[in-house]
Protein backbone atom coordinates (compact mmCIF):
# COMPACT_ATOMS: atom_id res chain seq x y z
CA UNK A 1 -17.82 54.21 11.14
CA UNK A 2 -17.63 57.99 10.74
CA UNK A 3 -19.12 59.40 7.54
CA UNK A 4 -19.29 62.89 6.12
CA UNK A 5 -22.22 65.25 6.56
CA UNK A 6 -22.91 65.08 2.80
CA UNK A 7 -23.33 61.29 2.95
CA UNK A 8 -25.61 61.58 6.02
CA UNK A 9 -27.82 64.04 4.13
CA UNK A 10 -27.90 61.71 1.12
CA UNK A 11 -28.94 58.78 3.34
CA UNK A 12 -31.81 60.80 4.81
CA UNK A 13 -32.95 62.04 1.40
CA UNK A 14 -32.88 58.56 -0.22
CA UNK A 15 -34.78 57.07 2.70
CA UNK A 16 -37.51 59.70 3.21
CA UNK A 17 -37.89 61.07 -0.32
CA UNK A 18 -36.95 58.19 -2.64
CA UNK A 19 -38.37 55.56 -0.23
CA UNK A 20 -35.28 53.32 -0.58
CA UNK A 21 -34.79 50.48 1.86
CA UNK A 22 -31.83 50.52 4.26
CA UNK A 23 -30.09 47.63 2.49
CA UNK A 24 -30.40 49.35 -0.90
CA UNK A 25 -28.95 52.58 0.51
CA UNK A 26 -26.00 50.74 2.07
CA UNK A 27 -25.24 48.88 -1.18
CA UNK A 28 -25.41 51.96 -3.40
CA UNK A 29 -23.41 54.23 -1.08
CA UNK A 30 -20.82 51.48 -0.29
CA UNK A 31 -21.26 51.58 3.45
CA UNK A 32 -22.34 49.09 6.07
CA UNK A 33 -26.05 48.73 6.78
CA UNK A 34 -25.49 49.43 10.51
CA UNK A 35 -24.13 52.84 9.50
CA UNK A 36 -27.40 53.56 7.69
CA UNK A 37 -29.39 52.45 10.76
CA UNK A 38 -27.31 54.72 13.01
CA UNK A 39 -27.86 57.78 10.81
CA UNK A 40 -31.61 57.16 10.67
CA UNK A 41 -31.75 56.53 14.42
CA UNK A 42 -29.93 59.76 15.18
CA UNK A 43 -32.41 61.62 12.94
CA UNK A 44 -35.44 59.77 14.32
CA UNK A 45 -36.74 56.19 14.18
CA UNK A 46 -37.07 54.60 10.72
CA UNK A 47 -40.42 54.96 9.10
CA UNK A 48 -40.77 51.17 8.53
CA UNK A 49 -40.28 49.00 11.57
CA UNK A 50 -39.65 45.25 11.14
CA UNK A 51 -42.81 43.19 11.32
CA UNK A 52 -42.56 39.97 13.28
CA UNK A 53 -44.81 37.38 11.66
CA UNK A 54 -45.80 34.13 13.37
CA UNK A 55 -43.94 31.09 12.04
CA UNK A 56 -45.77 27.93 10.95
CA UNK A 57 -43.69 25.85 13.35
CA UNK A 58 -44.83 27.86 16.40
CA UNK A 59 -47.97 25.73 16.69
CA UNK A 60 -45.85 22.55 16.94
CA UNK A 61 -43.10 23.86 19.24
CA UNK A 62 -44.69 22.52 22.49
CA UNK A 63 -44.93 19.03 20.94
CA UNK A 64 -41.34 19.25 19.60
CA UNK A 65 -39.91 20.40 22.95
CA UNK A 66 -41.82 17.74 24.85
CA UNK A 67 -40.61 15.00 22.48
CA UNK A 68 -36.99 16.18 22.57
CA UNK A 69 -37.05 16.30 26.36
CA UNK A 70 -38.12 12.66 26.44
CA UNK A 71 -35.91 11.54 23.51
CA UNK A 72 -32.97 13.98 23.29
CA UNK A 73 -31.16 11.93 20.59
CA UNK A 74 -34.15 11.72 18.24
CA UNK A 75 -33.10 12.75 14.73
CA UNK A 76 -34.65 15.74 12.96
CA UNK A 77 -35.78 13.57 10.03
CA UNK A 78 -37.82 11.30 12.33
CA UNK A 79 -39.23 14.28 14.20
CA UNK A 80 -40.17 15.91 10.87
CA UNK A 81 -42.16 12.84 9.92
CA UNK A 82 -44.01 12.95 13.22
CA UNK A 83 -45.04 16.62 12.92
CA UNK A 84 -45.87 16.13 9.22
CA UNK A 85 -48.41 13.50 10.23
CA UNK A 86 -49.89 16.14 12.54
CA UNK A 87 -50.37 18.67 9.74
CA UNK A 88 -47.06 20.51 9.39
CA UNK A 89 -46.52 21.75 5.78
CA UNK A 90 -43.07 23.37 6.03
CA UNK A 91 -39.92 22.22 4.24
CA UNK A 92 -37.58 19.71 5.90
CA UNK A 93 -34.54 22.01 5.64
CA UNK A 94 -36.22 24.88 7.50
CA UNK A 95 -37.62 22.42 10.05
CA UNK A 96 -34.12 20.99 10.68
CA UNK A 97 -32.80 24.50 11.28
CA UNK A 98 -35.58 25.34 13.76
CA UNK A 99 -35.17 22.03 15.63
CA UNK A 100 -31.45 22.74 16.05
CA UNK A 101 -32.40 26.00 17.84
CA UNK A 102 -34.74 24.26 20.26
CA UNK A 103 -32.90 20.97 20.85
CA UNK A 104 -31.76 20.66 24.50
CA UNK A 105 -28.01 21.12 24.86
CA UNK A 106 -25.90 18.68 26.80
CA UNK A 107 -24.28 20.11 29.87
CA UNK A 108 -20.60 20.89 29.33
CA UNK A 109 -18.39 18.16 30.77
CA UNK A 110 -15.50 19.14 33.01
CA UNK A 111 -12.26 17.17 32.81
CA UNK A 112 -9.63 16.62 35.45
CA UNK A 113 -6.06 17.51 34.59
CA UNK A 114 -4.31 14.14 34.24
CA UNK A 115 -0.87 13.90 35.76
CA UNK A 116 1.53 10.97 35.63
CA UNK A 117 4.64 9.98 37.51
CA UNK A 118 8.05 10.03 35.81
CA UNK A 119 8.63 6.88 33.77
CA UNK A 120 5.07 5.70 34.24
CA UNK A 121 3.35 6.31 30.91
CA UNK A 122 3.88 6.97 27.21
CA UNK A 123 1.29 7.68 24.52
CA UNK A 124 1.35 6.38 20.94
CA UNK A 125 -0.53 7.37 17.79
CA UNK A 126 -0.27 7.70 14.00
CA UNK A 127 -0.49 10.99 12.11
CA UNK A 128 -1.31 11.26 8.40
CA UNK A 129 0.84 13.77 6.51
CA UNK A 130 -0.41 13.42 2.94
CA UNK A 131 1.29 11.31 0.27
CA UNK A 132 4.74 10.92 -1.27
CA UNK A 133 5.61 9.99 -4.86
CA UNK A 134 8.26 7.29 -5.35
CA UNK A 135 8.68 6.59 -9.05
CA UNK A 136 5.28 5.41 -10.26
CA UNK A 137 3.99 4.66 -6.76
CA UNK A 138 1.96 7.07 -4.64
CA UNK A 139 2.29 6.01 -1.02
CA UNK A 140 0.80 7.51 2.18
CA UNK A 141 3.18 9.39 4.45
CA UNK A 142 2.46 8.27 8.00
CA UNK A 143 4.15 9.65 11.11
CA UNK A 144 4.65 7.36 14.11
CA UNK A 145 4.67 9.48 17.27
CA UNK A 146 5.44 8.37 20.82
CA UNK A 147 5.45 10.87 23.71
CA UNK A 148 6.57 10.36 27.30
CA UNK A 149 3.68 11.68 29.39
CA UNK A 150 5.83 13.27 32.10
CA UNK A 151 8.73 14.91 30.26
CA UNK A 152 6.85 15.27 26.90
CA UNK A 153 9.92 14.06 25.01
CA UNK A 154 8.87 13.23 21.43
CA UNK A 155 9.98 10.37 19.19
CA UNK A 156 9.03 10.91 15.53
CA UNK A 157 9.59 8.66 12.53
CA UNK A 158 7.89 8.62 9.13
CA UNK A 159 6.80 5.44 7.32
CA UNK A 160 5.09 4.67 4.01
CA UNK A 161 2.14 2.88 5.61
CA UNK A 162 0.64 2.13 9.03
CA UNK A 163 0.89 -1.66 8.96
CA UNK A 164 1.77 -3.69 12.04
CA UNK A 165 5.43 -4.14 11.07
CA UNK A 166 5.99 -0.38 10.83
CA UNK A 167 3.98 0.09 14.03
CA UNK A 168 6.41 -2.19 15.87
CA UNK A 169 9.44 -0.62 14.12
CA UNK A 170 8.34 2.73 15.52
CA UNK A 171 8.23 1.26 19.04
CA UNK A 172 11.68 -0.31 18.71
CA UNK A 173 13.10 2.95 17.34
CA UNK A 174 11.69 4.94 20.27
CA UNK A 175 12.95 2.43 22.83
CA UNK A 176 16.44 2.44 21.30
CA UNK A 177 16.46 6.23 21.08
CA UNK A 178 15.64 6.57 24.79
CA UNK A 179 17.59 3.40 25.70
CA UNK A 180 14.59 2.53 27.90
CA UNK A 181 10.79 2.49 27.85
CA UNK A 182 7.82 3.49 30.05
CA UNK A 183 5.82 1.01 32.09
CA UNK A 184 2.50 1.73 30.35
CA UNK A 185 1.82 2.65 26.73
CA UNK A 186 -1.52 4.28 25.98
CA UNK A 187 -3.18 3.61 22.60
CA UNK A 188 -6.17 4.86 20.73
CA UNK A 189 -8.53 2.13 19.53
CA UNK A 190 -6.58 1.52 16.32
CA UNK A 191 -6.56 -1.93 14.69
CA UNK A 192 -2.86 -2.47 15.34
CA UNK A 193 -3.63 -2.46 19.07
CA UNK A 194 -7.30 -3.39 19.63
CA UNK A 195 -9.02 -5.92 17.38
CA UNK A 196 -12.39 -5.88 19.12
CA UNK A 197 -14.02 -4.06 21.99
CA UNK A 198 -17.34 -4.56 23.73
CA UNK A 199 -17.63 -2.21 26.69
CA UNK A 200 -14.77 -3.06 29.05
CA UNK A 201 -14.06 -6.38 27.27
CA UNK A 202 -11.04 -5.81 25.01
CA UNK A 203 -9.34 -8.19 22.59
CA UNK A 204 -5.81 -7.00 21.89
CA UNK A 205 -3.88 -7.76 18.74
CA UNK A 206 -1.87 -10.96 19.48
CA UNK A 207 1.27 -9.57 17.82
CA UNK A 208 1.17 -6.50 20.06
CA UNK A 209 0.71 -8.72 23.13
CA UNK A 210 3.77 -10.78 22.17
CA UNK A 211 5.72 -7.57 21.59
CA UNK A 212 4.61 -6.15 24.97
CA UNK A 213 5.58 -9.39 26.73
CA UNK A 214 9.05 -9.20 25.19
CA UNK A 215 9.64 -5.62 26.40
CA UNK A 216 7.59 -6.07 29.60
CA UNK A 217 5.30 -3.02 29.27
CA UNK A 218 1.51 -2.83 29.68
CA UNK A 219 -0.56 -1.89 26.60
CA UNK A 220 -3.59 0.12 27.65
CA UNK A 221 -6.30 1.51 25.32
CA UNK A 222 -8.11 4.75 26.09
CA UNK A 223 -11.84 4.76 26.69
CA UNK A 224 -14.13 5.21 23.70
CA UNK A 225 -14.71 8.88 22.78
CA UNK A 226 -12.22 10.04 25.41
CA UNK A 227 -9.57 11.84 23.40
CA UNK A 228 -8.56 13.85 26.45
CA UNK A 229 -6.94 10.74 27.92
CA UNK A 230 -4.28 10.79 25.21
CA UNK A 231 -4.17 14.53 24.71
CA UNK A 232 -0.38 14.60 25.08
CA UNK A 233 0.25 12.70 21.85
CA UNK A 234 -2.57 14.57 20.07
CA UNK A 235 -0.98 17.90 20.97
CA UNK A 236 2.42 16.53 19.98
CA UNK A 237 1.13 15.64 16.50
CA UNK A 238 -0.38 19.13 16.16
CA UNK A 239 2.93 20.63 17.29
CA UNK A 240 4.77 18.49 14.69
CA UNK A 241 2.49 19.76 11.94
CA UNK A 242 2.93 23.41 12.90
CA UNK A 243 6.54 23.54 14.10
CA UNK A 244 8.23 20.87 11.96
CA UNK A 245 6.38 19.68 8.88
CA UNK A 246 4.77 22.79 7.43
CA UNK A 247 6.82 24.37 4.58
CA UNK A 248 9.56 21.73 5.00
CA UNK A 249 11.38 20.38 1.95
CA UNK A 250 13.08 16.98 1.76
CA UNK A 251 14.62 14.79 -0.93
CA UNK A 252 13.26 11.41 0.15
CA UNK A 253 12.00 9.51 3.18
CA UNK A 254 15.49 9.02 4.63
CA UNK A 255 16.17 12.75 4.43
CA UNK A 256 12.83 13.52 6.11
CA UNK A 257 13.55 11.10 8.96
CA UNK A 258 17.03 12.54 9.44
CA UNK A 259 15.53 16.02 9.74
CA UNK A 260 12.86 14.71 12.13
CA UNK A 261 15.48 13.10 14.38
CA UNK A 262 17.50 16.33 14.48
CA UNK A 263 14.37 18.38 15.28
CA UNK A 264 13.37 16.04 18.12
CA UNK A 265 16.83 16.27 19.71
CA UNK A 266 17.18 20.07 19.34
CA UNK A 267 14.13 22.32 18.95
CA UNK A 268 11.55 19.94 20.39
CA UNK A 269 13.79 19.03 23.33
CA UNK A 270 14.54 22.67 24.16
CA UNK A 271 10.91 23.78 24.43
CA UNK A 272 9.44 24.42 27.93
CA UNK A 273 8.05 21.35 29.65
CA UNK A 274 4.25 21.69 30.09
CA UNK A 275 4.39 19.90 33.46
CA UNK A 276 6.90 22.40 34.86
CA UNK A 277 7.65 25.38 32.66
CA UNK A 278 10.65 26.26 34.78
CA UNK A 279 12.61 23.51 33.01
CA UNK A 280 12.91 22.31 29.43
CA UNK A 281 11.81 18.96 28.01
CA UNK A 282 15.48 17.92 27.86
CA UNK A 283 15.90 18.57 31.60
CA UNK A 284 12.62 16.81 32.42
CA UNK A 285 13.70 13.78 30.37
CA UNK A 286 17.03 13.56 32.19
CA UNK A 287 15.01 13.47 35.42
CA UNK A 288 12.59 10.86 34.05
CA UNK A 289 15.05 8.48 32.33
CA UNK A 290 16.27 6.72 35.52
CA UNK A 291 12.63 5.79 36.22
CA UNK A 292 12.11 4.08 32.86
CA UNK A 293 12.33 0.31 32.29
CA UNK A 294 15.61 -1.11 30.90
CA UNK A 295 15.70 -2.75 27.47
CA UNK A 296 15.90 -6.55 27.13
CA UNK A 297 19.12 -8.15 25.94
CA UNK A 298 17.83 -8.99 22.45
CA UNK A 299 15.55 -6.86 20.22
CA UNK A 300 12.18 -8.08 18.97
CA UNK A 301 12.18 -9.21 15.28
CA UNK A 302 10.02 -6.85 13.23
CA UNK A 303 10.48 -8.23 9.72
CA UNK A 304 7.53 -8.56 7.39
CA UNK A 305 6.93 -12.24 6.63
CA UNK A 306 4.67 -13.23 3.74
CA UNK A 307 4.06 -16.54 1.93
CA UNK A 308 4.21 -16.06 -1.86
CA UNK A 309 3.48 -18.36 -4.81
CA UNK A 310 5.97 -18.51 -7.67
CA UNK A 311 4.39 -18.96 -11.10
CA UNK A 312 5.96 -20.07 -14.36
CA UNK A 313 8.42 -17.18 -14.40
CA UNK A 314 11.15 -17.03 -11.71
CA UNK A 315 9.75 -14.00 -9.83
CA UNK A 316 7.85 -13.42 -6.59
CA UNK A 317 5.44 -10.48 -6.17
CA UNK A 318 5.92 -8.46 -2.99
CA UNK A 319 4.69 -4.94 -2.19
CA UNK A 320 3.86 -3.95 -5.81
CA UNK A 321 7.19 -5.20 -7.24
CA UNK A 322 8.66 -8.46 -8.64
CA UNK A 323 11.86 -9.99 -7.22
CA UNK A 324 13.79 -12.72 -9.05
CA UNK A 325 14.46 -16.20 -7.62
CA UNK A 326 16.47 -19.17 -8.99
CA UNK A 327 14.68 -20.95 -11.84
CA UNK A 328 14.74 -24.19 -9.85
CA UNK A 329 12.05 -22.79 -7.50
CA UNK A 330 9.24 -22.03 -9.94
CA UNK A 331 5.72 -23.35 -9.21
CA UNK A 332 6.44 -23.41 -5.47
CA UNK A 333 5.40 -21.51 -2.36
CA UNK A 334 8.21 -19.52 -0.78
CA UNK A 335 8.54 -17.12 2.16
CA UNK A 336 9.49 -13.45 1.87
CA UNK A 337 11.08 -11.73 4.85
CA UNK A 338 11.61 -8.02 4.43
CA UNK A 339 12.75 -4.99 6.40
CA UNK A 340 12.97 -1.38 5.20
CA UNK A 341 16.21 -2.04 3.30
CA UNK A 342 16.36 -5.68 2.23
CA UNK A 343 14.05 -8.36 0.82
CA UNK A 344 15.09 -11.94 1.51
CA UNK A 345 13.39 -15.00 -0.01
CA UNK A 346 13.45 -18.37 1.74
CA UNK A 347 12.61 -21.92 0.79
CA UNK A 348 11.83 -23.39 4.21
CA UNK A 349 14.89 -22.34 6.28
CA UNK A 350 17.23 -21.81 3.31
CA UNK A 351 17.70 -18.32 1.89
CA UNK A 352 17.69 -18.56 -1.92
CA UNK A 353 17.67 -14.85 -2.89
CA UNK A 354 18.37 -11.41 -1.43
CA UNK A 355 17.51 -8.04 -3.00
CA UNK A 356 17.52 -4.39 -2.05
CA UNK A 357 13.95 -3.31 -1.32
CA UNK A 358 12.16 -1.00 -3.73
CA UNK A 359 9.18 1.18 -2.79
CA UNK A 360 8.43 1.96 -6.43
CA UNK A 361 5.61 0.27 -8.33
CA UNK A 362 5.78 -2.37 -11.09
CA UNK A 363 9.57 -2.82 -10.96
CA UNK A 364 11.47 -6.05 -11.72
CA UNK A 365 14.36 -6.36 -9.28
CA UNK A 366 16.65 -9.05 -10.66
CA UNK A 367 19.81 -10.89 -9.72
CA UNK A 368 21.87 -11.31 -12.96
CA UNK A 369 23.01 -14.75 -11.83
CA UNK A 370 19.40 -15.99 -11.68
CA UNK A 371 18.74 -15.00 -15.29
CA UNK A 372 22.13 -16.24 -16.52
CA UNK A 373 21.50 -19.68 -15.02
CA UNK A 374 18.05 -19.82 -16.62
CA UNK A 375 19.43 -18.88 -20.06
CA UNK A 376 22.15 -21.52 -19.77
CA UNK A 377 19.62 -24.20 -18.88
CA UNK A 378 17.37 -23.21 -21.78
CA UNK A 379 20.25 -23.38 -24.26
CA UNK A 380 21.38 -26.73 -22.90
CA UNK A 381 17.84 -28.06 -23.12
CA UNK A 382 17.53 -27.00 -26.75
CA UNK A 383 20.88 -28.64 -27.52
CA UNK A 384 19.83 -31.89 -25.79
CA UNK A 385 16.54 -32.00 -27.70
CA UNK A 386 18.35 -31.68 -31.05
CA UNK A 387 21.03 -34.20 -30.08
CA UNK A 388 18.47 -36.78 -28.96
CA UNK A 389 16.50 -36.56 -32.20
CA UNK A 390 19.75 -36.82 -34.19
CA UNK A 391 21.08 -39.91 -32.40
CA UNK A 392 17.71 -41.67 -32.64
CA UNK A 393 17.66 -41.21 -36.43
CA UNK A 394 21.41 -41.77 -36.99
CA UNK A 395 22.94 -43.97 -34.25
CA UNK A 396 26.48 -43.42 -35.57
CA UNK A 397 26.24 -39.75 -34.64
CA UNK A 398 26.54 -40.65 -30.95
CA UNK A 399 30.11 -41.89 -31.48
CA UNK A 400 30.84 -38.83 -33.66
CA UNK A 401 29.73 -36.48 -30.87
CA UNK A 402 31.86 -38.30 -28.31
CA UNK A 403 34.99 -37.82 -30.47
CA UNK A 404 34.07 -34.16 -31.06
CA UNK A 405 33.65 -33.57 -27.31
CA UNK A 406 37.05 -35.13 -26.61
CA UNK A 407 38.76 -32.61 -28.86
CA UNK A 408 36.78 -29.67 -27.42
CA UNK A 409 34.57 -28.94 -30.42
CA UNK A 410 31.28 -26.97 -30.23
CA UNK A 411 28.67 -29.69 -29.80
CA UNK A 412 25.78 -27.33 -30.42
CA UNK A 413 27.10 -26.14 -33.78
CA UNK A 414 27.88 -29.72 -34.91
CA UNK A 415 24.38 -30.84 -33.86
CA UNK A 416 22.68 -28.07 -35.86
CA UNK A 417 24.81 -28.83 -38.94
CA UNK A 418 24.09 -32.57 -38.71
CA UNK A 419 20.36 -31.95 -38.39
CA UNK A 420 20.49 -29.89 -41.60
CA UNK A 421 22.31 -32.73 -43.39
CA UNK A 422 19.71 -35.16 -42.07
CA UNK A 423 16.93 -33.13 -43.65
CA UNK A 424 18.83 -32.89 -47.01
CA UNK A 425 20.12 -36.45 -47.44
CA UNK A 426 18.00 -38.62 -45.19
CA UNK A 427 18.88 -40.91 -42.29
CA UNK A 428 20.24 -43.87 -44.28
CA UNK A 429 22.67 -41.83 -46.37
CA UNK A 430 23.82 -39.82 -43.37
CA UNK A 431 24.43 -43.02 -41.38
CA UNK A 432 26.76 -44.33 -44.10
CA UNK A 433 28.57 -41.00 -44.39
CA UNK A 434 29.17 -40.75 -40.64
CA UNK A 435 30.58 -44.28 -40.59
CA UNK A 436 32.98 -43.42 -43.45
CA UNK A 437 34.07 -40.23 -41.62
CA UNK A 438 34.71 -42.12 -38.40
CA UNK A 439 36.80 -44.74 -40.23
CA UNK A 440 38.86 -41.89 -41.66
CA UNK A 441 39.38 -40.48 -38.14
CA UNK A 442 37.30 -37.32 -38.76
CA UNK A 443 34.75 -36.07 -36.22
CA UNK A 444 33.36 -32.87 -37.69
CA UNK A 445 30.26 -31.98 -39.69
CA UNK A 446 32.38 -30.65 -42.57
CA UNK A 447 34.01 -34.08 -43.03
CA UNK A 448 30.58 -35.72 -43.08
CA UNK A 449 29.37 -33.17 -45.64
CA UNK A 450 32.41 -33.96 -47.86
CA UNK A 451 31.65 -37.69 -47.70
CA UNK A 452 28.00 -37.04 -48.61
CA UNK A 453 29.05 -34.92 -51.60
CA UNK A 454 31.46 -37.59 -52.86
CA UNK A 455 28.82 -40.29 -52.57
CA UNK A 456 26.27 -38.08 -54.38
CA UNK A 457 28.69 -37.36 -57.27
CA UNK A 458 29.57 -41.07 -57.53
CA UNK A 459 25.87 -41.88 -57.90
CA UNK A 460 25.39 -39.08 -60.42
CA UNK A 461 22.57 -37.59 -58.34
CA UNK A 462 21.71 -33.88 -58.51
CA UNK A 463 22.63 -31.66 -55.50
CA UNK A 464 19.93 -31.61 -52.83
CA UNK A 465 17.79 -28.51 -52.58
CA UNK A 466 16.47 -27.43 -49.19
CA UNK A 467 12.70 -26.98 -49.28
CA UNK A 468 10.64 -25.52 -46.45
CA UNK A 469 7.13 -26.89 -46.69
CA UNK A 470 4.15 -25.69 -44.66
CA UNK A 471 3.29 -27.65 -41.55
CA UNK A 472 0.12 -29.19 -43.00
CA UNK A 473 2.11 -30.52 -45.99
CA UNK A 474 4.87 -31.93 -43.78
CA UNK A 475 2.29 -33.77 -41.70
CA UNK A 476 0.17 -35.05 -44.58
CA UNK A 477 1.65 -38.55 -44.28
CA UNK A 478 1.10 -38.74 -40.53
CA UNK A 479 -0.57 -41.99 -39.51
CA UNK A 480 -4.14 -41.45 -38.38
CA UNK A 481 -5.58 -43.97 -35.92
CA UNK A 482 -9.26 -44.48 -36.80
CA UNK A 483 -11.90 -44.66 -34.10
CA UNK A 484 -13.92 -47.80 -33.50
CA UNK A 485 -17.19 -47.71 -35.43
CA UNK A 486 -19.11 -50.03 -33.12
CA UNK A 487 -20.04 -46.99 -30.99
CA UNK A 488 -22.12 -45.64 -33.86
CA UNK A 489 -23.88 -49.04 -34.07
CA UNK A 490 -24.77 -48.70 -30.40
CA UNK A 491 -26.33 -45.30 -31.08
CA UNK A 492 -28.39 -46.80 -33.93
CA UNK A 493 -29.58 -49.67 -31.79
CA UNK A 494 -30.57 -47.28 -29.04
CA UNK A 495 -32.63 -45.26 -31.51
CA UNK A 496 -34.50 -48.39 -32.61
CA UNK A 497 -35.26 -49.29 -29.02
CA UNK A 498 -36.76 -45.85 -28.44
CA UNK A 499 -39.10 -46.37 -31.38
């Protein structure tokens, strides 16, 4: 940095006359400290040279280096405890910093450039792209990425989770998009592919094995801590983040997937092929496609299948939402089969309900026919309960209801009216009135009420007044069955025996 002669003179004066330090001069004059050093060096060496003091750890460096040579993976905290026992008084943070300077470095590992034949290999992985809000639900936005190792053609599809069903849906989508598939698919050690691994002993996920057997490809996991083996899909995910996803706007998941499909078939396919930059990915894929495996005649089913328990209300809980079922299937265990669009509910092999799938949270997705049938059954049950109590108290009412039904009258309204008359006049009087109405050919509650009024006037009785008594008053005459008292005698006899 070039400075004026006036500032150089000021630096020299502040340093030699005012005895300011170089850092203070640089801060006050708003210049870099190396500029101050250069001016002082050009005018002669600084008056104060840095003093190198011995560090407390210097005494223990031979022991530390010897120990790290023998145990290169020994942690700094354990090494700090060892030198502390030998008299070291420094702080653990400074010790950790000094050990990092003297720890032996591993030799840099060289990697071979991996090349594959056309149609031989594809690589698969998930990429996390934040979250998406759907109503009241906040769901993860996961990108399924499959890359053909030779042509570097990319298949990209976004899902709302990374469960096995979506993992397989991504495979099926890629296979259908290419109308073929590679012979080997390379996976990271994710749970959808590898359940357990001990060295070279690998236990694959049984669902993935069944899927691979159906499409006749070989699932192959990469070695532990060997990300270079699936670098093609890793670079593809990085390319998706930088060239597709960043600063992109979309209305919903379907819109995002439509944009992703268009990007894969246009911009991503027209980029230079890394294997041979003289041709594009599209041209390399056209060369590779004849080498890929053909698809089987029938696709693999990738529906989610879950057993659910129906409680007292006619709903099943699936993926944060409630879906209605017929009221005849409450208190039972049913099966839910769902894809990305539809939720179907089965009782054994019979489908009893079908709904459009919701990815919101806490929603009640209902079929109006399910609720209408439940309301009708409830109303009919209430009507039957009232009719049964009425016919038990007044047997003649059964014949009255039969005549009313024959002429198309409202049985529910007649039942409610007759129950009111039963409370006002009593069972014996109502029985006689119903018999008189039937002899006159009438079958309506109004005719029975007229007969009751005539009989009351003939007796000279006052009109009945409806009284609503509390429950404890209505039940005061309820028969109480006393308990046997001989049990108390047994307790008394037992007490005498103890004495």
